[in-house]
Amino acid sequence: MIRWPTISSVLEFNEQANEVKAGTVEQATIKLLEELTEADGVAGHEDEIRAIFEARLAGVGEFRRDRIGNITCTRIGSESGPRVLLDSHLDEVGFIVQRVTPAGFVKFVPAGGWWPHTLPAQRVRIATRNGKVPGVVGTTPPHLLDKASRDSVLEIKDMAIDIGAEDAQQASEEFGVVPGCPIVPATPFAPMRHPRRFSAKAFDNRVGVACVVESLLALAEHPNVVIGSGCAQEEVGLRGARSLGPGLAADVAIVLEAPPADDGPGADPTASQGRLGGGVQIRLFDPTMIAAPKLAEFVVEIAQRNDITHQVAVRCSGGTNAGALHQAPGGVPSIVLGVPTRYIHSHASIIDLDDYLAMRELVGKVIGALDADRVQSFA
């Protein structure tokens, strides 16, 4: 049985300050999302997110870390029950310092998929041994560009970050910016004018991390061994999941994600399978993973039976940790649940809180309904 607190349907919204006031049940969820998105965790540098995961779940279950950076927390309902993996990835897309030029500008390489068009003039921060250093991805004013340059898109290799340094010596010795330092967008968590929508960096995949944390905290009586995971390095090739999967012996995997919303400007509304406000997305297919059909039917049935707003997706591109986890030895029936997110893999993305709450509710209902016989039927 899953015991959720009563969810208030209305958030007090201060239009003058453009912020959500404290005092609602949902505020704890919003604060968790704020904490996770404002923390920094480029692939291979997930320490801040891992620390939040561990602090939030202290005393809930047994923690395990591995040497690539994955962390798990296991909460046991029945020792003999099926092993249910509830997965998220800790990392976000970002950059790594490649070198510092003699003039003190920072050259960088991507860690994860970026469209270069989104980068010029954006603020970033660089984590160094001397603290975090603010910077701006430099751009040339239009006054100094010819038409051909104005009409082209720079490649990342031709960009540089201005950290205000006078030269390379100041950048490296005083500021601490050296090759290998991680870089993230400097984007605060912020409510939109719409009272249910929020903007931040790294909703991909901090919504998944938040849902793992809240789901493990909410578990009461259940017939399973539930393993909540925060995987490292998903954005650079599912590396953490490839390391984690073989040792877990999971019987079923539920991967929580922030899939790209497809309801933005120019989108075909008749083809949308990831609309903000449309509910939790249940992914049946992408090029890296086909959801176990009987598991997919079960999850959709649970959503329908409990009137959980949902949308079903068959994706033509992309992939998630499920692409690696379902291939663990013996095979693991897997499915992906997601919160549709506009503008992922950029400096600022947008979610609808109700989609997140729908995902959280569906996770709880699915875990509560799983038992050994049901899991055996997925094979």
Protein backbone atom coordinates (compact mmCIF):
# COMPACT_ATOMS: atom_id res chain seq x y z
CA MET A 1 0.00 0.00 0.00
CA ILE A 2 1.26 3.46 -0.89
CA ARG A 3 0.37 6.31 1.49
CA TRP A 4 0.55 9.65 -0.28
CA PRO A 5 -0.32 12.87 1.54
CA THR A 6 -3.44 14.62 0.30
CA ILE A 7 -2.46 16.76 -2.69
CA SER A 8 -3.75 20.31 -2.80
CA SER A 9 -5.06 21.22 -6.24
CA VAL A 10 -4.31 24.92 -5.84
CA LEU A 11 -0.97 26.65 -5.30
CA GLU A 12 -0.98 30.16 -3.94
CA PHE A 13 0.64 32.21 -6.65
CA ASN A 14 1.99 35.69 -6.08
CA GLU A 15 1.76 37.42 -9.44
CA GLN A 16 3.76 40.42 -8.26
CA ALA A 17 6.78 38.44 -7.04
CA ASN A 18 6.13 35.64 -9.55
CA GLU A 19 6.83 32.98 -6.96
CA VAL A 20 5.03 30.14 -5.26
CA LYS A 21 4.34 30.74 -1.60
CA ALA A 22 5.06 28.19 1.10
CA GLY A 23 2.29 26.43 2.93
CA THR A 24 0.93 23.92 0.43
CA VAL A 25 1.47 20.19 0.47
CA GLU A 26 3.01 20.34 -2.98
CA GLN A 27 5.61 22.86 -1.83
CA ALA A 28 7.84 20.04 -0.54
CA THR A 29 7.91 18.53 -4.01
CA ILE A 30 8.62 21.91 -5.60
CA LYS A 31 11.44 22.54 -3.15
CA LEU A 32 12.96 19.15 -3.94
CA LEU A 33 12.83 19.89 -7.67
CA GLU A 34 14.41 23.29 -7.01
CA GLU A 35 17.19 21.77 -4.91
CA LEU A 36 17.96 19.13 -7.50
CA THR A 37 17.89 21.38 -10.56
CA GLU A 38 20.00 24.11 -8.99
CA ALA A 39 22.65 21.58 -7.98
CA ASP A 40 25.27 20.80 -10.62
CA GLY A 41 26.02 17.35 -11.99
CA VAL A 42 27.58 17.05 -15.42
CA ALA A 43 28.26 13.47 -16.51
CA GLY A 44 31.14 12.10 -14.46
CA HIS A 45 30.74 14.88 -11.86
CA GLU A 46 27.46 13.94 -10.16
CA ASP A 47 28.64 14.39 -6.56
CA GLU A 48 26.16 17.14 -5.61
CA ILE A 49 23.16 15.18 -6.87
CA ARG A 50 24.33 11.96 -5.28
CA ALA A 51 24.68 13.79 -1.94
CA ILE A 52 21.09 15.08 -2.15
CA PHE A 53 19.83 11.59 -3.06
CA GLU A 54 21.60 10.13 -0.03
CA ALA A 55 20.58 12.89 2.38
CA ARG A 56 16.91 12.78 1.37
CA LEU A 57 16.77 8.99 1.78
CA ALA A 58 18.82 8.71 4.96
CA GLY A 59 17.42 5.90 7.11
CA VAL A 60 15.04 4.65 4.42
CA GLY A 61 17.06 1.71 3.16
CA GLU A 62 20.48 0.29 2.41
CA PHE A 63 22.76 2.40 0.24
CA ARG A 64 25.32 1.13 -2.20
CA ARG A 65 27.73 3.02 -4.42
CA ASP A 66 29.93 1.74 -7.17
CA ARG A 67 33.14 3.04 -8.68
CA ILE A 68 31.57 4.72 -11.72
CA GLY A 69 29.33 6.90 -9.55
CA ASN A 70 26.01 5.03 -9.38
CA ILE A 71 24.08 5.00 -6.11
CA THR A 72 21.20 2.78 -5.03
CA CYS A 73 18.88 2.71 -2.04
CA THR A 74 17.00 -0.53 -1.40
CA ARG A 75 13.74 -0.67 0.56
CA ILE A 76 12.44 -4.14 1.33
CA GLY A 77 8.77 -4.97 1.68
CA SER A 78 9.19 -8.73 1.40
CA GLU A 79 12.54 -10.51 1.19
CA SER A 80 10.96 -13.12 -1.09
CA GLY A 81 9.26 -10.57 -3.34
CA PRO A 82 10.34 -9.57 -6.83
CA ARG A 83 13.20 -7.12 -7.22
CA VAL A 84 11.79 -3.93 -8.75
CA LEU A 85 14.26 -1.36 -10.03
CA LEU A 86 13.10 2.26 -9.98
CA ASP A 87 15.74 4.04 -12.03
CA SER A 88 16.79 7.63 -12.73
CA HIS A 89 20.00 9.23 -13.92
CA LEU A 90 21.86 11.80 -11.86
CA ASP A 91 23.74 13.61 -14.60
CA GLU A 92 22.76 16.54 -16.79
CA VAL A 93 24.11 17.72 -20.11
CA GLY A 94 26.89 20.26 -19.78
CA PHE A 95 30.48 20.85 -20.82
CA ILE A 96 34.07 20.19 -19.79
CA VAL A 97 36.92 22.71 -19.90
CA GLN A 98 39.21 21.71 -22.75
CA ARG A 99 41.84 24.44 -22.33
CA VAL A 100 42.36 28.11 -21.49
CA THR A 101 43.68 30.44 -24.18
CA PRO A 102 46.59 32.83 -23.50
CA ALA A 103 44.04 35.68 -23.31
CA GLY A 104 42.10 33.85 -20.57
CA PHE A 105 39.13 32.57 -22.57
CA VAL A 106 37.87 29.05 -21.89
CA LYS A 107 37.55 26.53 -24.71
CA PHE A 108 35.19 23.66 -23.95
CA VAL A 109 33.76 20.36 -25.18
CA PRO A 110 30.20 19.07 -24.76
CA ALA A 111 29.25 16.39 -22.25
CA GLY A 112 26.00 15.21 -23.79
CA GLY A 113 23.99 16.31 -26.79
CA TRP A 114 23.79 20.04 -27.57
CA TRP A 115 22.49 22.02 -30.52
CA PRO A 116 25.15 24.75 -30.89
CA HIS A 117 22.49 27.27 -31.94
CA THR A 118 21.33 27.48 -28.30
CA LEU A 119 24.68 28.42 -26.74
CA PRO A 120 25.94 31.93 -27.68
CA ALA A 121 25.47 34.61 -25.01
CA GLN A 122 24.32 32.09 -22.38
CA ARG A 123 25.53 32.24 -18.79
CA VAL A 124 27.39 29.27 -17.33
CA ARG A 125 29.28 28.35 -14.18
CA ILE A 126 32.47 26.34 -13.90
CA ALA A 127 33.22 24.19 -10.85
CA THR A 128 36.85 24.57 -9.78
CA ARG A 129 39.05 23.83 -6.79
CA ASN A 130 38.57 27.50 -5.83
CA GLY A 131 34.78 27.47 -6.03
CA LYS A 132 32.33 28.12 -8.83
CA VAL A 133 33.31 30.62 -11.50
CA PRO A 134 30.66 32.47 -13.54
CA GLY A 135 31.07 32.96 -17.25
CA VAL A 136 29.33 33.82 -20.51
CA VAL A 137 29.56 31.99 -23.81
CA GLY A 138 31.01 34.79 -25.91
CA THR A 139 29.28 36.16 -28.97
CA THR A 140 30.25 38.84 -31.46
CA PRO A 141 27.90 41.83 -31.76
CA PRO A 142 26.07 42.02 -35.12
CA HIS A 143 27.84 45.33 -35.82
CA LEU A 144 31.08 43.41 -36.28
CA LEU A 145 29.72 40.56 -38.40
CA ASP A 146 29.30 40.27 -42.14
CA LYS A 147 26.09 38.78 -43.53
CA ALA A 148 27.56 35.31 -44.04
CA SER A 149 28.64 35.17 -40.39
CA ARG A 150 25.24 36.40 -39.16
CA ASP A 151 23.45 33.70 -41.13
CA SER A 152 25.64 30.83 -39.91
CA VAL A 153 25.64 28.84 -36.67
CA LEU A 154 28.93 28.52 -34.82
CA GLU A 155 30.24 25.10 -33.97
CA ILE A 156 31.12 24.45 -30.34
CA LYS A 157 34.78 24.14 -31.22
CA ASP A 158 34.70 27.77 -32.38
CA MET A 159 33.11 29.10 -29.17
CA ALA A 160 34.74 30.26 -25.95
CA ILE A 161 33.57 31.18 -22.47
CA ASP A 162 34.51 34.59 -21.08
CA ILE A 163 35.14 34.36 -17.32
CA GLY A 164 36.43 37.90 -17.03
CA ALA A 165 40.05 36.80 -16.67
CA GLU A 166 42.86 39.08 -17.77
CA ASP A 167 44.96 36.19 -19.03
CA ALA A 168 45.52 32.43 -18.75
CA GLN A 169 47.55 32.77 -15.57
CA GLN A 170 44.74 34.54 -13.72
CA ALA A 171 42.17 32.09 -15.08
CA SER A 172 44.07 29.03 -13.90
CA GLU A 173 45.98 30.16 -10.81
CA GLU A 174 43.55 32.64 -9.25
CA PHE A 175 40.21 31.38 -10.56
CA GLY A 176 41.16 27.68 -10.65
CA VAL A 177 39.85 27.06 -14.17
CA VAL A 178 41.90 24.22 -15.66
CA PRO A 179 41.30 21.42 -18.16
CA GLY A 180 38.72 18.91 -16.91
CA CYS A 181 36.58 21.31 -14.85
CA PRO A 182 32.84 20.69 -15.35
CA ILE A 183 30.57 23.45 -16.71
CA VAL A 184 26.79 23.80 -16.38
CA PRO A 185 24.20 26.39 -17.45
CA ALA A 186 23.70 29.09 -14.82
CA THR A 187 19.90 28.97 -14.80
CA PRO A 188 17.80 29.38 -11.64
CA PHE A 189 14.68 27.39 -10.86
CA ALA A 190 11.70 29.68 -11.47
CA PRO A 191 7.89 29.46 -11.55
CA MET A 192 6.18 30.54 -14.75
CA ARG A 193 3.15 32.83 -14.76
CA HIS A 194 1.07 29.65 -15.24
CA PRO A 195 0.78 28.40 -11.63
CA ARG A 196 1.49 24.76 -12.50
CA ARG A 197 4.54 25.26 -14.70
CA PHE A 198 8.18 25.73 -13.81
CA SER A 199 11.41 26.47 -15.62
CA ALA A 200 14.93 25.30 -14.74
CA LYS A 201 18.00 23.64 -16.13
CA ALA A 202 18.40 19.88 -15.80
CA PHE A 203 14.79 18.73 -15.43
CA ASP A 204 16.36 15.99 -17.58
CA ASN A 205 16.66 14.09 -15.37
CA ARG A 206 16.15 15.63 -11.98
CA VAL A 207 12.41 14.92 -12.29
CA GLY A 208 13.38 11.24 -12.35
CA VAL A 209 15.66 11.57 -9.33
CA ALA A 210 12.94 13.44 -7.42
CA CYS A 211 10.39 10.75 -8.21
CA VAL A 212 12.72 7.96 -7.06
CA VAL A 213 13.29 9.81 -3.78
CA GLU A 214 9.63 10.59 -3.16
CA SER A 215 8.48 7.10 -4.15
CA LEU A 216 10.90 5.38 -1.77
CA LEU A 217 9.89 7.73 1.04
CA ALA A 218 6.19 6.99 0.43
CA LEU A 219 6.47 3.20 0.38
CA ALA A 220 4.66 1.54 3.26
CA GLU A 221 3.42 -2.04 2.83
CA HIS A 222 4.38 -3.57 -0.49
CA PRO A 223 5.29 -7.07 -1.72
CA ASN A 224 8.64 -6.21 -3.29
CA VAL A 225 12.29 -5.41 -2.93
CA VAL A 226 12.37 -1.89 -4.39
CA ILE A 227 15.75 -0.61 -5.54
CA GLY A 228 15.90 3.10 -6.23
CA SER A 229 18.84 4.05 -8.40
CA GLY A 230 20.62 7.21 -9.42
CA CYS A 231 22.83 6.31 -12.35
CA ALA A 232 25.87 8.23 -13.49
CA GLN A 233 26.81 9.24 -17.02
CA GLU A 234 23.55 8.50 -18.84
CA GLU A 235 23.98 11.50 -21.12
CA VAL A 236 27.23 10.20 -22.56
CA GLY A 237 26.11 6.69 -23.47
CA LEU A 238 24.22 5.01 -20.59
CA ARG A 239 27.56 4.20 -18.97
CA GLY A 240 26.31 4.01 -15.40
CA ALA A 241 23.37 1.80 -16.33
CA ARG A 242 25.64 -0.56 -18.26
CA SER A 243 27.74 -0.94 -15.12
CA LEU A 244 24.81 -1.18 -12.70
CA GLY A 245 22.41 -3.52 -14.47
CA PRO A 246 24.32 -6.83 -14.40
CA GLY A 247 24.79 -6.78 -10.63
CA LEU A 248 21.25 -5.94 -9.56
CA ALA A 249 19.40 -9.10 -10.60
CA ALA A 250 16.28 -6.97 -11.12
CA ASP A 251 13.07 -8.75 -12.11
CA VAL A 252 11.47 -5.63 -13.61
CA ALA A 253 12.70 -2.10 -14.29
CA ILE A 254 10.78 1.19 -14.31
CA VAL A 255 12.89 3.97 -15.77
CA LEU A 256 11.86 7.53 -14.90
CA GLU A 257 12.77 10.25 -17.38
CA ALA A 258 12.18 13.73 -18.78
CA PRO A 259 11.38 13.05 -22.44
CA PRO A 260 11.24 15.94 -24.92
CA ALA A 261 7.81 17.52 -25.15
CA ASP A 262 6.51 17.68 -28.72
CA ASP A 263 3.91 20.43 -28.34
CA GLY A 264 6.07 23.46 -29.00
CA PRO A 265 5.90 26.06 -31.79
CA GLY A 266 5.43 24.45 -35.19
CA ALA A 267 4.49 21.04 -33.77
CA ASP A 268 1.65 19.03 -35.24
CA PRO A 269 -0.93 18.77 -32.42
CA THR A 270 -2.42 15.65 -33.98
CA ALA A 271 0.93 13.87 -33.66
CA SER A 272 1.79 14.94 -30.11
CA GLN A 273 2.60 12.18 -27.65
CA GLY A 274 4.35 14.37 -25.09
CA ARG A 275 2.19 17.38 -24.33
CA LEU A 276 2.64 19.54 -21.24
CA GLY A 277 -0.38 18.97 -19.06
CA GLY A 278 -1.17 15.70 -20.85
CA GLY A 279 -0.03 13.56 -17.94
CA VAL A 280 2.71 11.01 -17.44
CA GLN A 281 4.16 9.65 -20.68
CA ILE A 282 4.27 5.86 -20.98
CA ARG A 283 6.89 4.98 -23.59
CA LEU A 284 6.37 1.76 -25.51
CA PHE A 285 9.23 2.04 -28.00
CA ASP A 286 12.36 3.93 -28.91
CA PRO A 287 15.35 2.84 -31.01
CA THR A 288 17.14 1.45 -27.92
CA MET A 289 14.34 -0.42 -26.15
CA ILE A 290 10.98 -2.07 -26.77
CA ALA A 291 8.86 -2.10 -23.62
CA ALA A 292 7.92 -5.60 -22.48
CA PRO A 293 4.39 -5.87 -23.97
CA LYS A 294 2.69 -7.45 -20.96
CA LEU A 295 4.36 -4.99 -18.61
CA ALA A 296 3.25 -2.11 -20.84
CA GLU A 297 -0.33 -3.39 -20.89
CA PHE A 298 -0.26 -3.71 -17.11
CA VAL A 299 1.03 -0.16 -16.59
CA VAL A 300 -1.50 1.38 -18.99
CA GLU A 301 -4.28 -0.60 -17.31
CA ILE A 302 -3.18 0.67 -13.88
CA ALA A 303 -3.24 4.27 -15.19
CA GLN A 304 -6.71 3.81 -16.69
CA ARG A 305 -8.13 2.07 -13.65
CA ASN A 306 -6.92 4.83 -11.33
CA ASP A 307 -7.84 7.74 -13.62
CA ILE A 308 -4.21 8.84 -13.82
CA THR A 309 -3.75 11.26 -16.70
CA HIS A 310 -1.35 9.67 -19.16
CA GLN A 311 -0.19 9.66 -22.77
CA VAL A 312 1.35 6.78 -24.68
CA ALA A 313 4.43 7.33 -26.79
CA VAL A 314 6.22 5.48 -29.58
CA ARG A 315 9.45 7.39 -30.16
CA CYS A 316 11.40 7.52 -33.43
CA SER A 317 14.60 8.74 -31.79
CA GLY A 318 16.35 9.01 -28.45
CA GLY A 319 16.96 6.49 -25.71
CA THR A 320 17.15 6.06 -21.94
CA ASN A 321 18.84 3.89 -19.33
CA ALA A 322 16.27 1.24 -20.23
CA GLY A 323 18.30 0.63 -23.37
CA ALA A 324 21.05 -0.83 -21.18
CA LEU A 325 19.09 -2.13 -18.19
CA HIS A 326 16.76 -4.39 -20.17
CA GLN A 327 19.78 -6.22 -21.58
CA ALA A 328 21.19 -7.30 -18.21
CA PRO A 329 21.90 -11.04 -17.99
CA GLY A 330 18.68 -13.01 -18.36
CA GLY A 331 16.82 -9.93 -19.60
CA VAL A 332 14.77 -7.47 -17.55
CA PRO A 333 11.21 -6.50 -18.55
CA SER A 334 11.38 -2.71 -18.65
CA ILE A 335 9.28 0.36 -19.28
CA VAL A 336 9.93 4.11 -19.34
CA LEU A 337 7.70 6.66 -17.63
CA GLY A 338 8.33 10.33 -18.19
CA VAL A 339 7.42 13.94 -17.52
CA PRO A 340 7.21 15.70 -20.91
CA THR A 341 9.70 18.55 -20.84
CA ARG A 342 10.04 21.42 -23.28
CA TYR A 343 13.49 22.48 -24.46
CA ILE A 344 15.57 19.68 -22.91
CA HIS A 345 19.31 19.75 -23.60
CA SER A 346 19.33 23.53 -23.38
CA HIS A 347 19.84 26.16 -20.70
CA ALA A 348 16.19 26.30 -19.61
CA SER A 349 13.42 23.73 -19.83
CA ILE A 350 9.77 23.77 -18.73
CA ILE A 351 7.57 21.17 -17.04
CA ASP A 352 3.99 21.01 -15.81
CA LEU A 353 3.85 19.96 -12.15
CA ASP A 354 0.70 17.91 -12.72
CA ASP A 355 2.57 15.66 -15.17
CA TYR A 356 5.18 15.00 -12.49
CA LEU A 357 2.49 14.23 -9.90
CA ALA A 358 0.81 11.86 -12.36
CA MET A 359 4.11 10.01 -12.84
CA ARG A 360 4.64 9.80 -9.09
CA GLU A 361 1.13 8.46 -8.55
CA LEU A 362 1.47 5.88 -11.32
CA VAL A 363 4.78 4.65 -9.90
CA GLY A 364 3.18 4.15 -6.50
CA LYS A 365 0.17 2.28 -7.91
CA VAL A 366 2.35 0.04 -10.10
CA ILE A 367 4.71 -0.89 -7.25
CA GLY A 368 1.76 -1.64 -4.98
CA ALA A 369 0.20 -3.92 -7.59
CA LEU A 370 3.32 -5.88 -8.46
CA ASP A 371 3.89 -9.27 -6.87
CA ALA A 372 5.76 -12.41 -7.81
CA ASP A 373 2.95 -13.87 -9.95
CA ARG A 374 2.44 -10.62 -11.82
CA VAL A 375 6.15 -10.16 -12.51
CA GLN A 376 6.41 -13.76 -13.68
CA SER A 377 3.66 -13.08 -16.22
CA PHE A 378 5.81 -10.43 -17.95
CA ALA A 379 8.31 -13.01 -19.18
